[in-house]
PDB file of N, CA and C in Angstrom:
ATOM      1  N   MET A   1     -36.554   6.582   6.675  1.00  0.00           N
ATOM      2  CA  MET A   1     -37.068   5.219   5.849  1.00  0.00           C
ATOM      3  C   MET A   1     -38.285   5.306   4.857  1.00  0.00           C
ATOM      4  N   ILE A   2     -38.803   5.740   5.667  1.00  0.00           N
ATOM      5  CA  ILE A   2     -40.580   5.574   5.005  1.00  0.00           C
ATOM      6  C   ILE A   2     -40.317   6.934   3.693  1.00  0.00           C
ATOM      7  N   ASP A   3     -39.179   8.156   3.938  1.00  0.00           N
ATOM      8  CA  ASP A   3     -39.139   8.792   2.307  1.00  0.00           C
ATOM      9  C   ASP A   3     -38.398   8.543   2.293  1.00  0.00           C
ATOM     10  N   ILE A   4     -37.412   7.600   2.586  1.00  0.00           N
ATOM     11  CA  ILE A   4     -36.605   6.705   1.660  1.00  0.00           C
ATOM     12  C   ILE A   4     -37.457   6.046   0.996  1.00  0.00           C
ATOM     13  N   SER A   5     -38.216   5.002   1.077  1.00  0.00           N
ATOM     14  CA  SER A   5     -38.673   4.062   0.357  1.00  0.00           C
ATOM     15  C   SER A   5     -39.728   5.052  -0.320  1.00  0.00           C
ATOM     16  N   ASP A   6     -40.762   5.991  -0.247  1.00  0.00           N
ATOM     17  CA  ASP A   6     -41.394   6.912  -1.370  1.00  0.00           C
ATOM     18  C   ASP A   6     -40.613   7.288  -2.108  1.00  0.00           C
ATOM     19  N   ARG A   7     -39.388   7.912  -1.920  1.00  0.00           N
ATOM     20  CA  ARG A   7     -38.946   8.367  -3.374  1.00  0.00           C
ATOM     21  C   ARG A   7     -37.744   7.144  -3.730  1.00  0.00           C
ATOM     22  N   LEU A   8     -37.914   5.812  -3.324  1.00  0.00           N
ATOM     23  CA  LEU A   8     -37.650   5.009  -4.683  1.00  0.00           C
ATOM     24  C   LEU A   8     -38.797   3.913  -5.224  1.00  0.00           C
ATOM     25  N   LYS A   9     -40.004   4.528  -5.124  1.00  0.00           N
ATOM     26  CA  LYS A   9     -41.035   3.756  -5.189  1.00  0.00           C
ATOM     27  C   LYS A   9     -41.654   4.687  -6.713  1.00  0.00           C
ATOM     28  N   GLN A  10     -41.083   6.077  -6.213  1.00  0.00           N
ATOM     29  CA  GLN A  10     -41.314   6.986  -7.532  1.00  0.00           C
ATOM     30  C   GLN A  10     -39.976   7.174  -8.342  1.00  0.00           C
ATOM     31  N   LEU A  11     -38.955   6.770  -8.224  1.00  0.00           N
ATOM     32  CA  LEU A  11     -38.187   6.685  -8.882  1.00  0.00           C
ATOM     33  C   LEU A  11     -37.819   5.508 -10.054  1.00  0.00           C
ATOM     34  N   ARG A  12     -38.677   4.547  -9.305  1.00  0.00           N
ATOM     35  CA  ARG A  12     -38.361   3.650 -10.201  1.00  0.00           C
ATOM     36  C   ARG A  12     -39.573   3.342 -11.208  1.00  0.00           C
ATOM     37  N   ALA A  13     -40.894   4.047 -10.375  1.00  0.00           N
ATOM     38  CA  ALA A  13     -42.162   4.771 -11.285  1.00  0.00           C
ATOM     39  C   ALA A  13     -41.333   5.160 -12.853  1.00  0.00           C
ATOM     40  N   ASP A  14     -40.925   6.415 -12.414  1.00  0.00           N
ATOM     41  CA  ASP A  14     -39.432   7.218 -13.375  1.00  0.00           C
ATOM     42  C   ASP A  14     -38.788   6.656 -14.121  1.00  0.00           C
ATOM     43  N   VAL A  15     -38.219   5.534 -14.261  1.00  0.00           N
ATOM     44  CA  VAL A  15     -37.010   4.692 -14.557  1.00  0.00           C
ATOM     45  C   VAL A  15     -38.384   4.098 -15.893  1.00  0.00           C
ATOM     46  N   ALA A  16     -39.422   3.638 -15.485  1.00  0.00           N
ATOM     47  CA  ALA A  16     -40.594   2.698 -16.206  1.00  0.00           C
ATOM     48  C   ALA A  16     -41.131   3.509 -17.377  1.00  0.00           C
ATOM     49  N   VAL A  17     -41.141   4.900 -17.088  1.00  0.00           N
ATOM     50  CA  VAL A  17     -41.776   5.471 -17.701  1.00  0.00           C
ATOM     51  C   VAL A  17     -40.516   6.185 -18.717  1.00  0.00           C
ATOM     52  N   SER A  18     -39.744   6.338 -18.257  1.00  0.00           N
ATOM     53  CA  SER A  18     -38.370   6.711 -18.572  1.00  0.00           C
ATOM     54  C   SER A  18     -37.434   5.440 -19.962  1.00  0.00           C
ATOM     55  N   ILE A  19     -37.914   4.232 -19.465  1.00  0.00           N
ATOM     56  CA  ILE A  19     -37.865   3.039 -20.355  1.00  0.00           C
ATOM     57  C   ILE A  19     -38.348   3.495 -21.859  1.00  0.00           C
ATOM     58  N   GLU A  20     -39.420   3.469 -21.578  1.00  0.00           N
ATOM     59  CA  GLU A  20     -40.353   3.329 -22.887  1.00  0.00           C
ATOM     60  C   GLU A  20     -40.130   5.348 -23.605  1.00  0.00           C
ATOM     61  N   GLN A  21     -39.679   6.391 -22.869  1.00  0.00           N
ATOM     62  CA  GLN A  21     -39.313   6.649 -23.914  1.00  0.00           C
ATOM     63  C   GLN A  21     -38.217   7.204 -24.101  1.00  0.00           C
ATOM     64  N   MET A  22     -36.923   6.272 -24.013  1.00  0.00           N
ATOM     65  CA  MET A  22     -36.593   5.574 -24.322  1.00  0.00           C
ATOM     66  C   MET A  22     -35.779   5.217 -25.872  1.00  0.00           C
ATOM     67  N   ALA A  23     -36.899   4.024 -25.649  1.00  0.00           N
ATOM     68  CA  ALA A  23     -37.349   3.065 -27.374  1.00  0.00           C
ATOM     69  C   ALA A  23     -38.096   3.932 -27.533  1.00  0.00           C
ATOM     70  N   HIS A  24     -39.062   4.563 -27.639  1.00  0.00           N
ATOM     71  CA  HIS A  24     -39.605   5.696 -28.786  1.00  0.00           C
ATOM     72  C   HIS A  24     -38.278   6.694 -29.360  1.00  0.00           C
ATOM     73  N   PHE A  25     -37.643   7.080 -28.649  1.00  0.00           N
ATOM     74  CA  PHE A  25     -36.412   8.144 -28.984  1.00  0.00           C
ATOM     75  C   PHE A  25     -35.411   7.848 -29.962  1.00  0.00           C
ATOM     76  N   GLU A  26     -34.341   5.990 -29.577  1.00  0.00           N
ATOM     77  CA  GLU A  26     -33.414   5.426 -30.213  1.00  0.00           C
ATOM     78  C   GLU A  26     -34.968   5.005 -31.566  1.00  0.00           C
ATOM     79  N   THR A  27     -36.296   4.971 -31.800  1.00  0.00           N
ATOM     80  CA  THR A  27     -36.694   4.631 -32.997  1.00  0.00           C
ATOM     81  C   THR A  27     -36.748   5.847 -33.613  1.00  0.00           C
ATOM     82  N   GLU A  28     -37.218   7.060 -33.443  1.00  0.00           N
ATOM     83  CA  GLU A  28     -37.101   8.421 -33.775  1.00  0.00           C
ATOM     84  C   GLU A  28     -35.844   8.184 -34.478  1.00  0.00           C
ATOM     85  N   ALA A  29     -34.831   8.399 -33.959  1.00  0.00           N
ATOM     86  CA  ALA A  29     -33.029   8.340 -33.935  1.00  0.00           C
ATOM     87  C   ALA A  29     -33.021   7.441 -35.419  1.00  0.00           C
ATOM     88  N   ASP A  30     -33.391   6.596 -35.410  1.00  0.00           N
ATOM     89  CA  ASP A  30     -32.744   4.991 -36.082  1.00  0.00           C
ATOM     90  C   ASP A  30     -33.757   5.601 -37.888  1.00  0.00           C
ATOM     91  N   ASP A  31     -35.267   5.643 -37.004  1.00  0.00           N
ATOM     92  CA  ASP A  31     -36.002   6.776 -38.115  1.00  0.00           C
ATOM     93  C   ASP A  31     -35.616   7.386 -39.701  1.00  0.00           C
ATOM     94  N   ALA A  32     -34.934   8.698 -38.537  1.00  0.00           N
ATOM     95  CA  ALA A  32     -34.530  10.054 -38.868  1.00  0.00           C
ATOM     96  C   ALA A  32     -32.984   9.261 -39.145  1.00  0.00           C
ATOM     97  N   ARG A  33     -32.075   8.279 -39.423  1.00  0.00           N
ATOM     98  CA  ARG A  33     -31.002   8.500 -39.334  1.00  0.00           C
ATOM     99  C   ARG A  33     -31.196   7.399 -41.268  1.00  0.00           C
ATOM    100  N   LEU A  34     -32.073   6.437 -40.999  1.00  0.00           N
ATOM    101  CA  LEU A  34     -32.533   5.785 -42.156  1.00  0.00           C
ATOM    102  C   LEU A  34     -32.632   6.824 -43.060  1.00  0.00           C
ATOM    103  N   ARG A  35     -33.478   7.956 -43.115  1.00  0.00           N
ATOM    104  CA  ARG A  35     -33.991   8.339 -43.550  1.00  0.00           C
ATOM    105  C   ARG A  35     -32.910   9.510 -44.703  1.00  0.00           C
ATOM    106  N   ALA A  36     -32.038  10.185 -43.527  1.00  0.00           N
ATOM    107  CA  ALA A  36     -30.756  10.317 -44.353  1.00  0.00           C
ATOM    108  C   ALA A  36     -29.865  10.005 -44.768  1.00  0.00           C
ATOM    109  N   LEU A  37     -29.483   8.796 -44.493  1.00  0.00           N
ATOM    110  CA  LEU A  37     -29.147   7.742 -45.455  1.00  0.00           C
ATOM    111  C   LEU A  37     -29.909   8.213 -46.846  1.00  0.00           C
ATOM    112  N   MET A  38     -31.263   7.903 -46.936  1.00  0.00           N
ATOM    113  CA  MET A  38     -31.590   7.845 -48.081  1.00  0.00           C
ATOM    114  C   MET A  38     -31.842   9.485 -49.411  1.00  0.00           C
ATOM    115  N   SER A  39     -31.923  10.140 -48.650  1.00  0.00           N
ATOM    116  CA  SER A  39     -32.210  11.088 -49.307  1.00  0.00           C
ATOM    117  C   SER A  39     -30.721  12.344 -49.470  1.00  0.00           C
ATOM    118  N   GLU A  40     -29.871  11.632 -48.693  1.00  0.00           N
ATOM    119  CA  GLU A  40     -28.674  13.078 -47.973  1.00  0.00           C
ATOM    120  C   GLU A  40     -29.072  13.971 -48.980  1.00  0.00           C
ATOM    121  N   THR A  41     -29.843  14.464 -47.817  1.00  0.00           N
ATOM    122  CA  THR A  41     -30.099  16.122 -47.610  1.00  0.00           C
ATOM    123  C   THR A  41     -29.430  16.428 -46.931  1.00  0.00           C
ATOM    124  N   PRO A  42     -29.090  18.062 -46.449  1.00  0.00           N
ATOM    125  CA  PRO A  42     -27.924  18.398 -45.288  1.00  0.00           C
ATOM    126  C   PRO A  42     -29.844  18.787 -44.781  1.00  0.00           C
ATOM    127  N   LEU A  43     -31.126  18.918 -44.456  1.00  0.00           N
ATOM    128  CA  LEU A  43     -31.911  18.925 -43.825  1.00  0.00           C
ATOM    129  C   LEU A  43     -31.712  17.400 -43.070  1.00  0.00           C
ATOM    130  N   ALA A  44     -32.527  16.568 -43.448  1.00  0.00           N
ATOM    131  CA  ALA A  44     -32.360  15.192 -43.393  1.00  0.00           C
ATOM    132  C   ALA A  44     -31.394  15.273 -42.065  1.00  0.00           C
ATOM    133  N   VAL A  45     -29.911  14.850 -42.977  1.00  0.00           N
ATOM    134  CA  VAL A  45     -29.320  14.946 -41.785  1.00  0.00           C
ATOM    135  C   VAL A  45     -29.043  15.745 -39.910  1.00  0.00           C
ATOM    136  N   ALA A  46     -29.360  17.391 -40.454  1.00  0.00           N
ATOM    137  CA  ALA A  46     -30.186  17.711 -39.529  1.00  0.00           C
ATOM    138  C   ALA A  46     -30.755  17.299 -38.205  1.00  0.00           C
ATOM    139  N   VAL A  47     -31.291  16.112 -39.052  1.00  0.00           N
ATOM    140  CA  VAL A  47     -33.104  15.899 -38.242  1.00  0.00           C
ATOM    141  C   VAL A  47     -32.116  15.216 -37.849  1.00  0.00           C
ATOM    142  N   ALA A  48     -31.529  14.154 -38.245  1.00  0.00           N
ATOM    143  CA  ALA A  48     -31.314  12.788 -37.402  1.00  0.00           C
ATOM    144  C   ALA A  48     -29.744  13.132 -36.507  1.00  0.00           C
ATOM    145  N   ARG A  49     -29.581  14.317 -36.558  1.00  0.00           N
ATOM    146  CA  ARG A  49     -28.290  14.400 -35.293  1.00  0.00           C
ATOM    147  C   ARG A  49     -29.344  15.312 -34.239  1.00  0.00           C
ATOM    148  N   GLU A  50     -30.259  15.766 -34.580  1.00  0.00           N
ATOM    149  CA  GLU A  50     -30.781  16.593 -33.424  1.00  0.00           C
ATOM    150  C   GLU A  50     -31.991  15.421 -32.842  1.00  0.00           C
ATOM    151  N   THR A  51     -32.687  14.295 -33.475  1.00  0.00           N
ATOM    152  CA  THR A  51     -32.870  13.428 -33.066  1.00  0.00           C
ATOM    153  C   THR A  51     -31.996  12.520 -32.203  1.00  0.00           C
ATOM    154  N   GLN A  52     -30.903  12.585 -32.776  1.00  0.00           N
ATOM    155  CA  GLN A  52     -30.074  11.845 -31.341  1.00  0.00           C
ATOM    156  C   GLN A  52     -29.260  11.758 -30.455  1.00  0.00           C
ATOM    157  N   ARG A  53     -29.595  13.747 -30.621  1.00  0.00           N
ATOM    158  CA  ARG A  53     -29.523  14.463 -29.107  1.00  0.00           C
ATOM    159  C   ARG A  53     -30.531  14.171 -28.382  1.00  0.00           C
ATOM    160  N   HIS A  54     -31.646  13.808 -28.671  1.00  0.00           N
ATOM    161  CA  HIS A  54     -32.606  13.849 -28.143  1.00  0.00           C
ATOM    162  C   HIS A  54     -32.828  12.805 -27.506  1.00  0.00           C
ATOM    163  N   ALA A  55     -32.552  11.823 -28.461  1.00  0.00           N
ATOM    164  CA  ALA A  55     -31.955  10.191 -27.739  1.00  0.00           C
ATOM    165  C   ALA A  55     -31.239  10.017 -26.485  1.00  0.00           C
ATOM    166  N   ASP A  56     -29.935  10.484 -27.092  1.00  0.00           N
ATOM    167  CA  ASP A  56     -28.511  10.668 -25.772  1.00  0.00           C
ATOM    168  C   ASP A  56     -29.159  11.333 -24.503  1.00  0.00           C
ATOM    169  N   SER A  57     -29.882  12.037 -25.372  1.00  0.00           N
ATOM    170  CA  SER A  57     -30.345  12.917 -23.702  1.00  0.00           C
ATOM    171  C   SER A  57     -31.168  12.449 -23.201  1.00  0.00           C
ATOM    172  N   GLN A  58     -32.402  11.393 -23.653  1.00  0.00           N
ATOM    173  CA  GLN A  58     -33.063  10.458 -22.581  1.00  0.00           C
ATOM    174  C   GLN A  58     -31.860   9.358 -21.900  1.00  0.00           C
ATOM    175  N   ARG A  59     -31.169   9.126 -22.546  1.00  0.00           N
ATOM    176  CA  ARG A  59     -30.956   8.175 -21.616  1.00  0.00           C
ATOM    177  C   ARG A  59     -29.603   8.371 -20.895  1.00  0.00           C
ATOM    178  N   GLY A  60     -29.610  10.243 -20.707  1.00  0.00           N
ATOM    179  CA  GLY A  60     -28.617  10.471 -19.735  1.00  0.00           C
ATOM    180  C   GLY A  60     -29.055  10.134 -18.964  1.00  0.00           C
ATOM    181  N   ALA A  61     -31.010  10.904 -18.536  1.00  0.00           N
ATOM    182  CA  ALA A  61     -31.966  11.197 -17.938  1.00  0.00           C
ATOM    183  C   ALA A  61     -31.923   9.423 -17.343  1.00  0.00           C
ATOM    184  N   HIS A  62     -32.531   9.081 -18.266  1.00  0.00           N
ATOM    185  CA  HIS A  62     -32.484   7.284 -17.713  1.00  0.00           C
ATOM    186  C   HIS A  62     -31.520   6.663 -16.341  1.00  0.00           C
ATOM    187  N   GLU A  63     -30.005   7.450 -17.334  1.00  0.00           N
ATOM    188  CA  GLU A  63     -28.593   6.820 -16.407  1.00  0.00           C
ATOM    189  C   GLU A  63     -28.898   7.736 -15.020  1.00  0.00           C
ATOM    190  N   ALA A  64     -29.574   8.919 -14.471  1.00  0.00           N
ATOM    191  CA  ALA A  64     -29.138   9.957 -13.872  1.00  0.00           C
ATOM    192  C   ALA A  64     -30.319   9.105 -13.180  1.00  0.00           C
ATOM    193  N   LEU A  65     -31.946   8.811 -13.424  1.00  0.00           N
ATOM    194  CA  LEU A  65     -32.500   7.924 -12.683  1.00  0.00           C
ATOM    195  C   LEU A  65     -31.883   6.859 -12.320  1.00  0.00           C
ATOM    196  N   LEU A  66     -31.409   6.158 -12.643  1.00  0.00           N
ATOM    197  CA  LEU A  66     -30.665   4.480 -11.550  1.00  0.00           C
ATOM    198  C   LEU A  66     -29.461   4.722 -11.323  1.00  0.00           C
ATOM    199  N   ARG A  67     -28.982   5.863 -11.732  1.00  0.00           N
ATOM    200  CA  ARG A  67     -27.853   6.800 -10.213  1.00  0.00           C
ATOM    201  C   ARG A  67     -28.404   6.801  -8.939  1.00  0.00           C
ATOM    202  N   SER A  68     -29.613   7.445  -9.307  1.00  0.00           N
ATOM    203  CA  SER A  68     -30.277   8.332  -7.739  1.00  0.00           C
ATOM    204  C   SER A  68     -31.317   6.578  -6.961  1.00  0.00           C
ATOM    205  N   ILE A  69     -31.445   5.918  -7.179  1.00  0.00           N
ATOM    206  CA  ILE A  69     -32.155   4.417  -7.051  1.00  0.00           C
ATOM    207  C   ILE A  69     -30.328   4.305  -6.733  1.00  0.00           C
ATOM    208  N   HIS A  70     -29.515   4.242  -7.093  1.00  0.00           N
ATOM    209  CA  HIS A  70     -28.392   3.427  -6.070  1.00  0.00           C
ATOM    210  C   HIS A  70     -28.229   3.724  -4.816  1.00  0.00           C
ATOM    211  N   GLU A  71     -28.466   5.106  -5.221  1.00  0.00           N
ATOM    212  CA  GLU A  71     -27.360   5.954  -4.146  1.00  0.00           C
ATOM    213  C   GLU A  71     -29.013   6.118  -2.506  1.00  0.00           C
ATOM    214  N   LEU A  72     -29.891   5.751  -3.524  1.00  0.00           N
ATOM    215  CA  LEU A  72     -31.120   5.780  -2.128  1.00  0.00           C
ATOM    216  C   LEU A  72     -30.855   4.462  -1.945  1.00  0.00           C
ATOM    217  N   GLU A  73     -30.735   3.102  -1.715  1.00  0.00           N
ATOM    218  CA  GLU A  73     -30.235   2.110  -1.726  1.00  0.00           C
ATOM    219  C   GLU A  73     -29.701   1.687  -1.261  1.00  0.00           C
ATOM    220  N   ARG A  74     -28.515   2.604  -1.408  1.00  0.00           N
ATOM    221  CA  ARG A  74     -26.763   2.402  -0.370  1.00  0.00           C
ATOM    222  C   ARG A  74     -27.560   3.295   1.408  1.00  0.00           C
ATOM    223  N   GLU A  75     -28.030   3.971   0.630  1.00  0.00           N
ATOM    224  CA  GLU A  75     -28.765   4.655   2.555  1.00  0.00           C
ATOM    225  C   GLU A  75     -29.106   4.569   2.927  1.00  0.00           C
ATOM    226  N   GLN A  76     -30.328   3.549   2.604  1.00  0.00           N
ATOM    227  CA  GLN A  76     -31.593   2.732   2.591  1.00  0.00           C
ATOM    228  C   GLN A  76     -30.691   1.672   4.167  1.00  0.00           C
ATOM    229  N   ASP A  77     -29.327   0.964   2.716  1.00  0.00           N
ATOM    230  CA  ASP A  77     -29.140  -0.340   3.427  1.00  0.00           C
ATOM    231  C   ASP A  77     -27.710   0.133   4.775  1.00  0.00           C
ATOM    232  N   ALA A  78     -27.394   1.593   4.872  1.00  0.00           N
ATOM    233  CA  ALA A  78     -26.934   1.889   5.800  1.00  0.00           C
ATOM    234  C   ALA A  78     -27.421   2.342   6.571  1.00  0.00           C
ATOM    235  N   ILE A  79     -29.113   2.636   6.288  1.00  0.00           N
ATOM    236  CA  ILE A  79     -29.294   2.788   7.815  1.00  0.00           C
ATOM    237  C   ILE A  79     -30.371   1.513   8.561  1.00  0.00           C
ATOM    238  N   LEU A  80     -30.520   0.373   7.532  1.00  0.00           N
ATOM    239  CA  LEU A  80     -30.235  -0.572   8.818  1.00  0.00           C
ATOM    240  C   LEU A  80     -29.563  -1.545   8.943  1.00  0.00           C
ATOM    241  N   ASP A  81     -28.296  -1.001   8.136  1.00  0.00           N
ATOM    242  CA  ASP A  81     -27.424  -1.753   8.762  1.00  0.00           C
ATOM    243  C   ASP A  81     -26.928  -1.282  10.964  1.00  0.00           C
ATOM    244  N   ARG A  82     -27.029   0.339  10.619  1.00  0.00           N
ATOM    245  CA  ARG A  82     -27.636   0.688  11.866  1.00  0.00           C
ATOM    246  C   ARG A  82     -28.264   0.639  12.985  1.00  0.00           C
ATOM    247  N   ILE A  83     -29.387   0.355  12.436  1.00  0.00           N
ATOM    248  CA  ILE A  83     -30.155  -0.660  12.912  1.00  0.00           C
ATOM    249  C   ILE A  83     -30.156  -1.533  13.888  1.00  0.00           C
ATOM    250  N   ALA A  84     -30.012  -2.458  12.748  1.00  0.00           N
ATOM    251  CA  ALA A  84     -29.187  -4.005  12.993  1.00  0.00           C
ATOM    252  C   ALA A  84     -28.162  -3.976  14.065  1.00  0.00           C
ATOM    253  N   ALA A  85     -27.063  -2.790  14.454  1.00  0.00           N
ATOM    254  CA  ALA A  85     -25.610  -2.865  14.906  1.00  0.00           C
ATOM    255  C   ALA A  85     -26.710  -2.419  15.988  1.00  0.00           C
ATOM    256  N   GLU A  86     -27.851  -1.442  16.449  1.00  0.00           N
ATOM    257  CA  GLU A  86     -28.363  -1.112  17.590  1.00  0.00           C
ATOM    258  C   GLU A  86     -28.629  -1.945  18.293  1.00  0.00           C
ATOM    259  N   ARG A  87     -29.329  -2.793  17.495  1.00  0.00           N
ATOM    260  CA  ARG A  87     -29.917  -4.035  18.869  1.00  0.00           C
ATOM    261  C   ARG A  87     -29.222  -5.000  18.883  1.00  0.00           C
ATOM    262  N   PRO A  88     -29.848  -5.506  19.763  1.00  0.00           N
ATOM    263  CA  PRO A  88     -29.112  -6.310  21.539  1.00  0.00           C
ATOM    264  C   PRO A  88     -28.810  -7.797  20.425  1.00  0.00           C
TER     265      PRO A  88
END
Protein backbone atom coordinates (compact mmCIF):
# COMPACT_ATOMS: atom_id res chain seq x y z
CA MET A 1 0.00 0.00 0.00
CA ILE A 2 2.81 2.40 0.84
CA ASP A 3 4.48 1.75 -2.51
CA ILE A 4 1.23 2.40 -4.36
CA SER A 5 0.65 5.57 -2.38
CA ASP A 6 4.16 6.83 -3.14
CA ARG A 7 3.76 6.02 -6.82
CA LEU A 8 0.40 7.81 -6.93
CA LYS A 9 1.91 10.92 -5.34
CA GLN A 10 4.70 10.95 -7.92
CA LEU A 11 2.32 10.38 -10.83
CA ARG A 12 0.04 13.18 -9.62
CA ALA A 13 3.03 15.52 -9.45
CA ASP A 14 4.00 14.40 -12.95
CA VAL A 15 0.46 15.15 -14.15
CA ALA A 16 0.70 18.70 -12.80
CA VAL A 17 3.94 19.23 -14.75
CA SER A 18 2.41 17.55 -17.79
CA ILE A 19 -0.53 19.96 -17.77
CA GLU A 20 1.85 22.93 -17.85
CA GLN A 21 3.89 21.36 -20.63
CA MET A 22 0.77 20.53 -22.61
CA ALA A 23 -0.39 24.14 -22.40
CA HIS A 24 3.02 25.34 -23.55
CA PHE A 25 3.16 22.98 -26.52
CA GLU A 26 -0.43 23.74 -27.53
CA THR A 27 0.34 27.47 -27.47
CA GLU A 28 3.46 26.91 -29.55
CA ALA A 29 1.49 24.79 -32.04
CA ASP A 30 -1.24 27.42 -32.31
CA ASP A 31 1.34 30.16 -32.89
CA ALA A 32 3.18 28.10 -35.50
CA ARG A 33 -0.11 27.27 -37.25
CA LEU A 34 -0.98 30.97 -37.38
CA ARG A 35 2.48 31.88 -38.72
CA ALA A 36 2.12 29.18 -41.37
CA LEU A 37 -1.24 30.57 -42.45
CA MET A 38 0.15 34.10 -42.62
CA SER A 39 3.39 33.31 -44.44
CA GLU A 40 2.23 30.37 -46.55
CA THR A 41 5.82 29.14 -46.91
CA PRO A 42 6.76 25.47 -46.96
CA LEU A 43 9.14 26.02 -44.02
CA ALA A 44 6.44 27.60 -41.87
CA VAL A 45 4.06 24.75 -42.70
CA ALA A 46 6.73 22.20 -41.77
CA VAL A 47 7.41 23.99 -38.49
CA ALA A 48 3.67 24.05 -37.74
CA ARG A 49 3.40 20.31 -38.37
CA GLU A 50 6.42 19.61 -36.17
CA THR A 51 5.14 21.72 -33.29
CA GLN A 52 1.75 20.03 -33.58
CA ARG A 53 3.47 16.63 -33.37
CA HIS A 54 5.17 17.76 -30.17
CA ALA A 55 1.85 18.91 -28.74
CA ASP A 56 0.19 15.62 -29.71
CA SER A 57 3.06 13.68 -28.17
CA GLN A 58 2.75 15.60 -24.92
CA ARG A 59 -1.00 15.00 -24.87
CA GLY A 60 -0.34 11.27 -25.32
CA ALA A 61 2.18 11.28 -22.47
CA HIS A 62 -0.35 13.09 -20.28
CA GLU A 63 -3.04 10.54 -21.09
CA ALA A 64 -0.61 7.71 -20.28
CA LEU A 65 0.03 9.27 -16.87
CA LEU A 66 -3.71 9.47 -16.22
CA ARG A 67 -4.13 5.82 -17.22
CA SER A 68 -1.34 4.85 -14.83
CA ILE A 69 -3.04 6.73 -12.01
CA HIS A 70 -6.36 4.99 -12.71
CA GLU A 71 -4.67 1.58 -12.77
CA LEU A 72 -2.94 2.22 -9.45
CA GLU A 73 -6.16 3.51 -7.91
CA ARG A 74 -7.94 0.32 -9.02
CA GLU A 75 -5.11 -1.76 -7.55
CA GLN A 76 -5.31 0.21 -4.31
CA ASP A 77 -9.09 -0.24 -4.17
CA ALA A 78 -8.71 -3.99 -4.71
CA ILE A 79 -6.22 -4.22 -1.85
CA LEU A 80 -8.51 -2.23 0.43
CA ASP A 81 -11.45 -4.46 -0.53
CA ARG A 82 -9.41 -7.57 0.36
CA ILE A 83 -8.39 -6.06 3.68
CA ALA A 84 -11.97 -5.13 4.46
CA ALA A 85 -13.18 -8.63 3.54
CA GLU A 86 -10.62 -10.21 5.88
CA ARG A 87 -11.72 -8.16 8.89
CA PRO A 88 -14.33 -9.78 11.10
